[in-house]
Each structure stands twice: as structure tokens, then as C-alpha cells.
C-alpha atoms as a PDB file:
ATOM      1  CA  MET A   1       1.467 -44.073 -33.375  1.00  0.00           C
ATOM      2  CA  LYS A   2      -1.368 -41.650 -33.219  1.00  0.00           C
ATOM      3  CA  PRO A   3      -3.376 -41.280 -29.890  1.00  0.00           C
ATOM      4  CA  SER A   4      -6.519 -42.461 -29.435  1.00  0.00           C
ATOM      5  CA  ARG A   5      -9.476 -39.978 -29.256  1.00  0.00           C
ATOM      6  CA  SER A   6     -10.040 -40.717 -25.987  1.00  0.00           C
ATOM      7  CA  VAL A   7      -6.662 -39.741 -25.023  1.00  0.00           C
ATOM      8  CA  MET A   8      -6.714 -36.679 -26.916  1.00  0.00           C
ATOM      9  CA  LEU A   9      -9.781 -35.264 -25.542  1.00  0.00           C
ATOM     10  CA  ALA A  10      -8.373 -36.234 -21.619  1.00  0.00           C
ATOM     11  CA  GLY A  11      -5.803 -33.997 -22.831  1.00  0.00           C
ATOM     12  CA  MET A  12      -7.929 -31.438 -23.761  1.00  0.00           C
ATOM     13  CA  VAL A  13      -9.963 -31.633 -20.165  1.00  0.00           C
ATOM     14  CA  ALA A  14      -6.951 -31.335 -18.043  1.00  0.00           C
ATOM     15  CA  ALA A  15      -5.762 -28.338 -20.259  1.00  0.00           C
ATOM     16  CA  THR A  16      -9.296 -26.764 -19.541  1.00  0.00           C
ATOM     17  CA  VAL A  17      -8.705 -27.385 -16.150  1.00  0.00           C
ATOM     18  CA  LEU A  18      -5.198 -25.645 -15.729  1.00  0.00           C
ATOM     19  CA  ILE A  19      -6.560 -22.725 -17.746  1.00  0.00           C
ATOM     20  CA  CYS A  20      -9.694 -22.070 -15.943  1.00  0.00           C
ATOM     21  CA  VAL A  21      -9.106 -21.405 -12.142  1.00  0.00           C
ATOM     22  CA  SER A  22     -12.652 -20.944 -11.795  1.00  0.00           C
ATOM     23  CA  CYS A  23     -15.568 -21.783 -14.118  1.00  0.00           C
ATOM     24  CA  ALA A  24     -19.018 -20.181 -14.365  1.00  0.00           C
ATOM     25  CA  SER A  25     -20.507 -22.796 -12.165  1.00  0.00           C
ATOM     26  CA  ASP A  26     -18.405 -21.629  -9.104  1.00  0.00           C
ATOM     27  CA  ILE A  27     -19.721 -18.187  -9.347  1.00  0.00           C
ATOM     28  CA  GLY A  28     -22.036 -17.057  -6.521  1.00  0.00           C
ATOM     29  CA  SER A  29     -24.064 -13.802  -6.466  1.00  0.00           C
ATOM     30  CA  MET A  30     -24.521 -12.296  -3.262  1.00  0.00           C
ATOM     31  CA  ARG A  31     -26.826  -9.558  -2.043  1.00  0.00           C
ATOM     32  CA  GLY A  32     -27.995  -7.351   0.699  1.00  0.00           C
ATOM     33  CA  LEU A  33     -24.315  -6.623   2.162  1.00  0.00           C
ATOM     34  CA  SER A  34     -24.014  -4.525   4.926  1.00  0.00           C
ATOM     35  CA  PRO A  35     -21.814  -1.352   3.988  1.00  0.00           C
ATOM     36  CA  VAL A  36     -19.029  -0.284   6.637  1.00  0.00           C
ATOM     37  CA  ASP A  37     -18.291   3.545   7.413  1.00  0.00           C
ATOM     38  CA  PRO A  38     -14.888   5.030   7.851  1.00  0.00           C
ATOM     39  CA  ASP A  39     -14.179   6.529  11.177  1.00  0.00           C
ATOM     40  CA  PHE A  40     -13.341   9.941  11.108  1.00  0.00           C
ATOM     41  CA  VAL A  41      -9.686  11.491  11.805  1.00  0.00           C
ATOM     42  CA  PRO A  42      -9.602  15.152  12.553  1.00  0.00           C
ATOM     43  CA  GLY A  43      -6.987  17.041  10.862  1.00  0.00           C
ATOM     44  CA  GLN A  44      -3.415  17.504  12.983  1.00  0.00           C
ATOM     45  CA  LEU A  45      -0.584  19.349  12.543  1.00  0.00           C
ATOM     46  CA  HIS A  46       1.971  16.184  12.868  1.00  0.00           C
ATOM     47  CA  GLU A  47       5.095  17.712  14.794  1.00  0.00           C
ATOM     48  CA  PRO A  48       8.318  16.038  16.116  1.00  0.00           C
ATOM     49  CA  ASP A  49       8.432  14.557  19.580  1.00  0.00           C
ATOM     50  CA  PRO A  50      11.399  16.566  21.353  1.00  0.00           C
ATOM     51  CA  LEU A  51      11.802  13.275  23.597  1.00  0.00           C
ATOM     52  CA  THR A  52      12.403  10.718  21.031  1.00  0.00           C
ATOM     53  CA  ARG A  53      15.747   9.869  19.904  1.00  0.00           C
ATOM     54  CA  SER A  54      16.200   8.081  16.400  1.00  0.00           C
ATOM     55  CA  ARG A  55      18.760   6.278  14.652  1.00  0.00           C
ATOM     56  CA  ALA A  56      19.784   6.267  11.022  1.00  0.00           C
ATOM     57  CA  GLU A  57      22.204   4.021   9.609  1.00  0.00           C
ATOM     58  CA  VAL A  58      25.138   5.612   7.216  1.00  0.00           C
ATOM     59  CA  GLY A  59      23.457   6.120   3.836  1.00  0.00           C
ATOM     60  CA  ASP A  60      19.893   6.173   5.356  1.00  0.00           C
ATOM     61  CA  VAL A  61      17.607   9.060   4.871  1.00  0.00           C
ATOM     62  CA  MET A  62      17.339  11.168   8.161  1.00  0.00           C
ATOM     63  CA  LEU A  63      14.806  13.640   7.212  1.00  0.00           C
ATOM     64  CA  GLU A  64      12.175  14.272   4.292  1.00  0.00           C
ATOM     65  CA  ALA A  65      10.647  17.827   3.488  1.00  0.00           C
ATOM     66  CA  GLY A  66       6.964  18.100   4.117  1.00  0.00           C
ATOM     67  CA  GLU A  67       6.828  14.794   6.769  1.00  0.00           C
ATOM     68  CA  PHE A  68       5.811  17.449   9.228  1.00  0.00           C
ATOM     69  CA  ASP A  69       2.963  19.224   7.303  1.00  0.00           C
ATOM     70  CA  TYR A  70      -0.511  19.517   8.494  1.00  0.00           C
ATOM     71  CA  ARG A  71      -2.271  16.412   7.958  1.00  0.00           C
ATOM     72  CA  PRO A  72      -5.873  16.883   6.395  1.00  0.00           C
ATOM     73  CA  PRO A  73      -8.853  15.441   7.971  1.00  0.00           C
ATOM     74  CA  SER A  74      -8.923  11.732   6.933  1.00  0.00           C
ATOM     75  CA  ASN A  75     -11.265   8.558   6.736  1.00  0.00           C
ATOM     76  CA  LYS A  76      -9.638   5.516   8.453  1.00  0.00           C
ATOM     77  CA  TYR A  77     -10.675   2.430   7.014  1.00  0.00           C
ATOM     78  CA  PRO A  78      -9.646  -1.345   8.621  1.00  0.00           C
ATOM     79  CA  ALA A  79      -7.441  -2.895   5.899  1.00  0.00           C
ATOM     80  CA  ILE A  80      -5.965  -6.039   5.025  1.00  0.00           C
ATOM     81  CA  THR A  81      -2.432  -6.846   2.916  1.00  0.00           C
ATOM     82  CA  ILE A  82      -1.532  -9.976   1.444  1.00  0.00           C
ATOM     83  CA  ASP A  83       1.910 -11.688   0.008  1.00  0.00           C
ATOM     84  CA  PRO A  84       1.223 -11.389  -3.945  1.00  0.00           C
ATOM     85  CA  GLN A  85      -0.684 -14.155  -5.795  1.00  0.00           C
ATOM     86  CA  PRO A  86      -0.546 -15.194  -9.161  1.00  0.00           C
ATOM     87  CA  GLU A  87      -3.606 -13.698 -11.204  1.00  0.00           C
ATOM     88  CA  LEU A  88      -6.938 -15.223 -11.009  1.00  0.00           C
ATOM     89  CA  GLU A  89      -8.658 -16.281 -14.005  1.00  0.00           C
ATOM     90  CA  VAL A  90     -12.592 -16.539 -13.998  1.00  0.00           C
ATOM     91  CA  GLU A  91     -14.813 -17.254 -16.475  1.00  0.00           C
ATOM     92  CA  HIS A  92     -18.177 -15.430 -16.484  1.00  0.00           C
ATOM     93  CA  LYS A  93     -20.717 -14.677 -19.036  1.00  0.00           C
ATOM     94  CA  ARG A  94     -18.759 -16.730 -21.476  1.00  0.00           C
ATOM     95  CA  HIS A  95     -15.628 -14.853 -21.115  1.00  0.00           C
ATOM     96  CA  VAL A  96     -12.322 -15.233 -19.113  1.00  0.00           C
ATOM     97  CA  PHE A  97     -11.246 -12.379 -17.026  1.00  0.00           C
ATOM     98  CA  ARG A  98      -8.078 -12.039 -15.398  1.00  0.00           C
ATOM     99  CA  PHE A  99      -7.917 -10.417 -11.851  1.00  0.00           C
ATOM    100  CA  PRO A 100      -4.346  -9.385 -10.156  1.00  0.00           C
ATOM    101  CA  LEU A 101      -4.374 -10.368  -6.697  1.00  0.00           C
ATOM    102  CA  LYS A 102      -1.773  -7.509  -5.789  1.00  0.00           C
ATOM    103  CA  ALA A 103      -0.364  -6.818  -2.226  1.00  0.00           C
ATOM    104  CA  GLY A 104      -2.664  -4.433  -1.052  1.00  0.00           C
ATOM    105  CA  PRO A 105      -3.963  -2.425   0.838  1.00  0.00           C
ATOM    106  CA  TYR A 106      -7.559  -3.727   0.717  1.00  0.00           C
ATOM    107  CA  LYS A 107      -9.829  -1.586   2.457  1.00  0.00           C
ATOM    108  CA  LEU A 108     -13.059  -2.792   4.336  1.00  0.00           C
ATOM    109  CA  VAL A 109     -16.349  -1.704   2.484  1.00  0.00           C
ATOM    110  CA  ALA A 110     -18.885  -4.570   3.371  1.00  0.00           C
ATOM    111  CA  GLU A 111     -20.004  -7.282   5.811  1.00  0.00           C
ATOM    112  CA  SER A 112     -22.470  -9.837   6.339  1.00  0.00           C
ATOM    113  CA  SER A 113     -22.899 -12.503   8.943  1.00  0.00           C
ATOM    114  CA  GLN A 114     -20.581 -14.718   7.333  1.00  0.00           C
ATOM    115  CA  GLY A 115     -17.664 -12.100   7.172  1.00  0.00           C
ATOM    116  CA  LYS A 116     -15.805  -9.063   5.736  1.00  0.00           C
ATOM    117  CA  TYR A 117     -15.121  -7.964   2.793  1.00  0.00           C
ATOM    118  CA  TYR A 118     -11.841  -6.046   1.805  1.00  0.00           C
ATOM    119  CA  ARG A 119     -11.836  -3.906  -1.748  1.00  0.00           C
ATOM    120  CA  TYR A 120      -8.716  -3.206  -3.556  1.00  0.00           C
ATOM    121  CA  LEU A 121      -8.166   0.605  -3.768  1.00  0.00           C
ATOM    122  CA  THR A 122      -8.581   1.059  -7.445  1.00  0.00           C
ATOM    123  CA  PRO A 123     -10.115  -1.240 -10.494  1.00  0.00           C
ATOM    124  CA  PHE A 124      -9.017  -4.181 -11.841  1.00  0.00           C
ATOM    125  CA  GLY A 125      -8.583  -5.586 -15.472  1.00  0.00           C
ATOM    126  CA  SER A 126      -9.297  -3.981 -18.871  1.00  0.00           C
ATOM    127  CA  ARG A 127     -13.113  -4.207 -18.286  1.00  0.00           C
ATOM    128  CA  LYS A 128     -12.766  -2.436 -15.169  1.00  0.00           C
ATOM    129  CA  ALA A 129     -14.204  -4.155 -11.776  1.00  0.00           C
ATOM    130  CA  TYR A 130     -13.760  -3.205  -8.530  1.00  0.00           C
ATOM    131  CA  GLY A 131     -12.787  -6.235  -6.348  1.00  0.00           C
ATOM    132  CA  GLY A 132     -11.299  -7.387  -3.384  1.00  0.00           C
ATOM    133  CA  LEU A 133     -11.236 -10.086  -0.844  1.00  0.00           C
ATOM    134  CA  PHE A 134     -13.445 -12.049   1.735  1.00  0.00           C
ATOM    135  CA  VAL A 135     -12.411 -12.929   5.116  1.00  0.00           C
ATOM    136  CA  PRO A 136     -14.437 -15.215   6.768  1.00  0.00           C
ATOM    137  CA  THR A 137     -15.454 -14.260  10.333  1.00  0.00           C
ATOM    138  CA  GLY A 138     -12.648 -15.083  13.130  1.00  0.00           C
ATOM    139  CA  GLN A 139      -9.974 -15.746  10.637  1.00  0.00           C
ATOM    140  CA  ASP A 140      -6.950 -14.872   9.213  1.00  0.00           C
ATOM    141  CA  VAL A 141      -7.186 -15.815   5.668  1.00  0.00           C
ATOM    142  CA  ALA A 142      -9.259 -14.844   2.712  1.00  0.00           C
ATOM    143  CA  THR A 143     -11.231 -17.753   0.700  1.00  0.00           C
ATOM    144  CA  ASP A 144     -13.000 -15.855  -1.763  1.00  0.00           C
ATOM    145  CA  PHE A 145     -12.481 -13.382  -4.533  1.00  0.00           C
ATOM    146  CA  PHE A 146     -15.166 -10.744  -4.762  1.00  0.00           C
ATOM    147  CA  TRP A 147     -15.823  -8.168  -7.652  1.00  0.00           C
ATOM    148  CA  TRP A 148     -18.643  -6.022  -9.258  1.00  0.00           C
ATOM    149  CA  TRP A 149     -18.511  -4.152 -12.756  1.00  0.00           C
ATOM    150  CA  TYR A 150     -17.114  -0.788 -12.976  1.00  0.00           C
ATOM    151  CA  ALA A 151     -20.096   1.972 -13.596  1.00  0.00           C
ATOM    152  CA  ARG A 152     -18.960   5.854 -14.232  1.00  0.00           C
ATOM    153  CA  ASP A 153     -22.231   7.111 -12.673  1.00  0.00           C
ATOM    154  CA  ARG A 154     -21.578   5.117  -9.209  1.00  0.00           C
ATOM    155  CA  ASP A 155     -19.768   6.554  -6.273  1.00  0.00           C
ATOM    156  CA  GLU A 156     -16.931   3.958  -6.363  1.00  0.00           C
ATOM    157  CA  ASP A 157     -16.982   3.617  -2.347  1.00  0.00           C
ATOM    158  CA  LEU A 158     -20.621   2.587  -2.790  1.00  0.00           C
ATOM    159  CA  VAL A 159     -20.978  -1.388  -3.071  1.00  0.00           C
ATOM    160  CA  PRO A 160     -23.913  -2.484  -5.396  1.00  0.00           C
ATOM    161  CA  ALA A 161     -26.933  -4.505  -4.924  1.00  0.00           C
ATOM    162  CA  ASN A 162     -25.420  -7.332  -6.914  1.00  0.00           C
ATOM    163  CA  VAL A 163     -21.663  -8.553  -6.169  1.00  0.00           C
ATOM    164  CA  TYR A 164     -20.129 -11.782  -7.332  1.00  0.00           C
ATOM    165  CA  SER A 165     -17.556 -14.014  -5.691  1.00  0.00           C
ATOM    166  CA  VAL A 166     -15.444 -16.885  -6.768  1.00  0.00           C
ATOM    167  CA  PRO A 167     -13.634 -19.370  -4.007  1.00  0.00           C
ATOM    168  CA  LEU A 168      -9.561 -18.837  -4.229  1.00  0.00           C
ATOM    169  CA  PRO A 169      -7.970 -21.760  -5.169  1.00  0.00           C
ATOM    170  CA  ASN A 170      -6.130 -21.719  -2.155  1.00  0.00           C
ATOM    171  CA  PRO A 171      -6.446 -19.668   1.178  1.00  0.00           C
ATOM    172  CA  VAL A 172      -4.466 -16.701   1.294  1.00  0.00           C
ATOM    173  CA  GLU A 173      -3.053 -15.371   4.674  1.00  0.00           C
ATOM    174  CA  VAL A 174      -3.519 -11.742   5.404  1.00  0.00           C
ATOM    175  CA  THR A 175      -1.994  -9.263   7.432  1.00  0.00           C
ATOM    176  CA  HIS A 176      -4.503  -6.627   9.218  1.00  0.00           C
ATOM    177  CA  THR A 177      -3.560  -2.997   8.820  1.00  0.00           C
ATOM    178  CA  GLU A 178      -5.508   0.423   8.220  1.00  0.00           C
ATOM    179  CA  HIS A 179      -5.794   2.538   5.294  1.00  0.00           C
ATOM    180  CA  LEU A 180      -6.265   6.345   5.746  1.00  0.00           C
ATOM    181  CA  GLU A 181      -7.778   8.645   3.005  1.00  0.00           C
ATOM    182  CA  PRO A 182      -8.007  12.213   2.988  1.00  0.00           C
ATOM    183  CA  ARG A 183     -11.349  13.327   3.265  1.00  0.00           C
ATOM    184  CA  ASP A 184     -11.106  15.805   0.586  1.00  0.00           C
ATOM    185  CA  GLY A 185     -10.416  12.904  -1.939  1.00  0.00           C
ATOM    186  CA  SER A 186      -7.104  13.208  -3.036  1.00  0.00           C
ATOM    187  CA  ARG A 187      -4.861  10.284  -2.698  1.00  0.00           C
ATOM    188  CA  GLY A 188      -1.866  11.919  -0.962  1.00  0.00           C
ATOM    189  CA  ARG A 189       1.305  12.710  -2.296  1.00  0.00           C
ATOM    190  CA  SER A 190       2.373  10.049  -4.746  1.00  0.00           C
ATOM    191  CA  SER A 191       5.701  11.775  -6.057  1.00  0.00           C
ATOM    192  CA  GLY A 192       7.540  11.225  -2.872  1.00  0.00           C
ATOM    193  CA  PRO A 193       9.374  13.732  -0.838  1.00  0.00           C
ATOM    194  CA  THR A 194      10.929  17.108  -2.499  1.00  0.00           C
ATOM    195  CA  ALA A 195      13.921  16.831  -0.598  1.00  0.00           C
ATOM    196  CA  THR A 196      15.593  14.550   2.130  1.00  0.00           C
ATOM    197  CA  LEU A 197      18.518  14.587   4.451  1.00  0.00           C
ATOM    198  CA  THR A 198      20.828  11.394   4.204  1.00  0.00           C
ATOM    199  CA  TYR A 199      23.434  10.729   7.066  1.00  0.00           C
ATOM    200  CA  ALA A 200      26.600  10.405   5.643  1.00  0.00           C
ATOM    201  CA  GLY A 201      29.292   9.490   8.196  1.00  0.00           C
ATOM    202  CA  VAL A 202      31.873  10.907  10.482  1.00  0.00           C
ATOM    203  CA  ALA A 203      35.520  11.474   9.449  1.00  0.00           C
ATOM    204  CA  ALA A 204      38.661  13.614  10.833  1.00  0.00           C
ATOM    205  CA  GLY A 205      36.157  15.538  13.326  1.00  0.00           C
ATOM    206  CA  GLU A 206      33.511  16.132  10.668  1.00  0.00           C
ATOM    207  CA  ILE A 207      29.906  15.139  10.359  1.00  0.00           C
ATOM    208  CA  ARG A 208      28.631  14.640   6.806  1.00  0.00           C
ATOM    209  CA  PHE A 209      25.308  14.416   5.406  1.00  0.00           C
ATOM    210  CA  VAL A 210      23.700  14.486   1.829  1.00  0.00           C
ATOM    211  CA  TYR A 211      20.981  17.186   0.961  1.00  0.00           C
ATOM    212  CA  LYS A 212      18.832  16.384  -2.109  1.00  0.00           C
ATOM    213  CA  GLU A 213      16.243  18.040  -3.942  1.00  0.00           C
ATOM    214  CA  PHE A 214      13.693  16.068  -6.055  1.00  0.00           C
ATOM    215  CA  THR A 215      11.836  17.060  -9.201  1.00  0.00           C
ATOM    216  CA  GLU A 216       7.553  16.577  -9.053  1.00  0.00           C
ATOM    217  CA  ARG A 217       8.218  12.892 -10.606  1.00  0.00           C
ATOM    218  CA  GLY A 218      10.508  12.259  -7.828  1.00  0.00           C
ATOM    219  CA  MET A 219      14.117  12.286  -9.632  1.00  0.00           C
ATOM    220  CA  ALA A 220      17.071  13.332  -8.144  1.00  0.00           C
ATOM    221  CA  ARG A 221      18.510  16.409  -9.983  1.00  0.00           C
ATOM    222  CA  PRO A 222      22.306  16.768  -9.722  1.00  0.00           C
ATOM    223  CA  ALA A 223      22.314  20.623  -9.275  1.00  0.00           C
ATOM    224  CA  PHE A 224      20.121  20.332  -6.385  1.00  0.00           C
ATOM    225  CA  THR A 225      22.523  17.519  -4.833  1.00  0.00           C
ATOM    226  CA  GLN A 226      24.768  19.105  -2.036  1.00  0.00           C
ATOM    227  CA  GLU A 227      27.364  17.335   0.225  1.00  0.00           C
ATOM    228  CA  VAL A 228      26.876  18.984   3.889  1.00  0.00           C
ATOM    229  CA  ILE A 229      30.195  19.092   6.344  1.00  0.00           C
ATOM    230  CA  LEU A 230      30.035  20.282   9.771  1.00  0.00           C
ATOM    231  CA  ASP A 231      32.359  20.124  12.909  1.00  0.00           C
ATOM    232  CA  TYR A 232      31.285  17.230  14.643  1.00  0.00           C
ATOM    233  CA  ASN A 233      30.453  17.731  18.292  1.00  0.00           C
ATOM    234  CA  PRO A 234      28.539  15.312  20.404  1.00  0.00           C
ATOM    235  CA  GLY A 235      25.354  16.816  21.916  1.00  0.00           C
ATOM    236  CA  GLU A 236      24.926  20.146  19.571  1.00  0.00           C
ATOM    237  CA  THR A 237      22.204  21.391  17.971  1.00  0.00           C
ATOM    238  CA  TYR A 238      22.554  21.014  14.092  1.00  0.00           C
ATOM    239  CA  ALA A 239      20.615  23.332  11.936  1.00  0.00           C
ATOM    240  CA  TYR A 240      20.356  22.811   8.197  1.00  0.00           C
ATOM    241  CA  LYS A 241      17.671  25.354   6.288  1.00  0.00           C
ATOM    242  CA  SER A 242      14.506  24.880   8.449  1.00  0.00           C
ATOM    243  CA  ALA A 243      15.508  21.590  10.114  1.00  0.00           C
ATOM    244  CA  ARG A 244      16.937  21.711  13.580  1.00  0.00           C
ATOM    245  CA  PHE A 245      18.311  18.287  15.508  1.00  0.00           C
ATOM    246  CA  VAL A 246      20.332  17.816  18.302  1.00  0.00           C
ATOM    247  CA  VAL A 247      23.068  14.775  17.582  1.00  0.00           C
ATOM    248  CA  HIS A 248      23.770  12.699  20.685  1.00  0.00           C
ATOM    249  CA  GLU A 249      26.169  10.488  18.875  1.00  0.00           C
ATOM    250  CA  ALA A 250      27.477   9.648  15.529  1.00  0.00           C
ATOM    251  CA  GLY A 251      29.835   7.095  14.279  1.00  0.00           C
ATOM    252  CA  THR A 252      31.134   5.308  11.119  1.00  0.00           C
ATOM    253  CA  THR A 253      28.160   3.100  10.973  1.00  0.00           C
ATOM    254  CA  HIS A 254      25.019   4.991  12.825  1.00  0.00           C
ATOM    255  CA  ILE A 255      23.673   8.431  14.425  1.00  0.00           C
ATOM    256  CA  LEU A 256      21.562   8.991  17.058  1.00  0.00           C
ATOM    257  CA  TYR A 257      19.659  12.178  16.905  1.00  0.00           C
ATOM    258  CA  THR A 258      16.555  13.939  18.218  1.00  0.00           C
ATOM    259  CA  LEU A 259      14.668  16.149  15.756  1.00  0.00           C
ATOM    260  CA  LEU A 260      13.197  19.100  16.925  1.00  0.00           C
ATOM    261  CA  GLU A 261      11.643  20.836  13.491  1.00  0.00           C
ATOM    262  CA  GLY A 262      11.504  19.090  10.038  1.00  0.00           C
ATOM    263  CA  LEU A 263      13.206  19.830   7.142  1.00  0.00           C
END
């Protein structure tokens, strides 16, 4: 028996509702948002604290090359993170766009009397748009997604005059944090450490470490992996390459140490 025309139409409407998370009628247009300037963080030489004891389990990385290098001047933004959410589908100007709601961070770029606007660091989608999450004043949930279309001739951190927004299907809990960006425009080292020293345990009066060097893409090179075996004496200062550290206690499960100089 064939379904009636009314049943078929009802099924089509239901399918449309499931596919179209937000239709054009839900889209708002905002103007006159107030840009938020980041705080300036001066450059500094990051050094280990000779009074701090650190702990590492067997197999944990104790030291990373470069972690105590000079840190350039930075811009510090208030930021938020979220648990990753399903893609948001938005129908706008007769097209359906998909915006992935990634974990973050989302940095604060603008505010209004209603709340704050946190933008994801890079553009979304094939037709690029800068977008992010709106958090109402005094709340710890994001209620709306906002975006503006990418333009090559505009600074990505400048909020344009016209910004679009759409309500989220459900409010999303946010975690407040901070985001640092070097003032020279670089995004920092993305390839990971160039070398690491890992704690490998104690056996037969000897303390063991594993030293690894990496390529620029962060891949370990077997030729540059070395097991380091030294006599174990609690309280002794150990040195390997440029690193110096005092071992207070070492066992089959963990090590307690104080770092004096970085790798």
C-alpha cells in the first residue's frame, strides 16, 4: 500500500528539520561590536626553579630541548575551550555551510553589552569564514555561533562591521583559559621538541634514561636514540649534554628530581 501524499510530505519536512540545524530565519546580524585588545607580555628567559622538585613516572619525558629557551614578547588573550561538538550546519543565502565546533582554544576578540565573542584561531570550512562562540555575560556556557566571511585584504584579528550569528542547538559548557601569541606573528614551534630525555627506571644499582632526537617534523630517528646508563647515587647531580639535574629519589616506578639546567 502506497503512503498518502500527506504522509510523504510530513516525512520530507521531518528530514529537512534534521538536516538543517539552523535556517536563514534564525540568523542574526550584529553591528558595532567593541574589539578587545590583548595584554602585552614582555619577553623573558624562562629558567628552571632550583627549589622545585619534579616527578616523572617510568616512561615519562623528564626534559625537552628548548623548553627553557628565550620566550619572545607575546599577546595574551582571555580564551575558552570546549569538548568537541558535532558539526553545525547553517543555511545562509541559499547555501548550507558546515562549521566544525572544535575543542579550541577560542580567543576573546570582541564584546558587547550582552556578552563576549571568542574566535577560533584559524578559518572554518571550504568557503573560509572566521567564527567562534558567544558567551553571555555572567555565564559559563556558549549559546550562539558567530562568523564573518574571510577577506584577504583584512587583518584576521579585526572584527568587521557585519557579523552573523545563529543559536546553538544546545548550550555548550566552556572552560576559561588564556592564549598566548608571539608578537612577531609566528604561532610558535609546531613540530614538537627536537630532543627529549625520558626516565627508564633503576636496576642493579644503575639509573637509566633514554635520549631521543627528532627530525623537524617530530619523527624519531633510530640512529639518534640512545640509552643512558649511569651509577645510581641518591642526591647526586647528574649531567647529560647541556642538562644538569639532582636526583633525590629513583625507583622502579618513578623519579624525583630538581632540574638545574635544561636540555
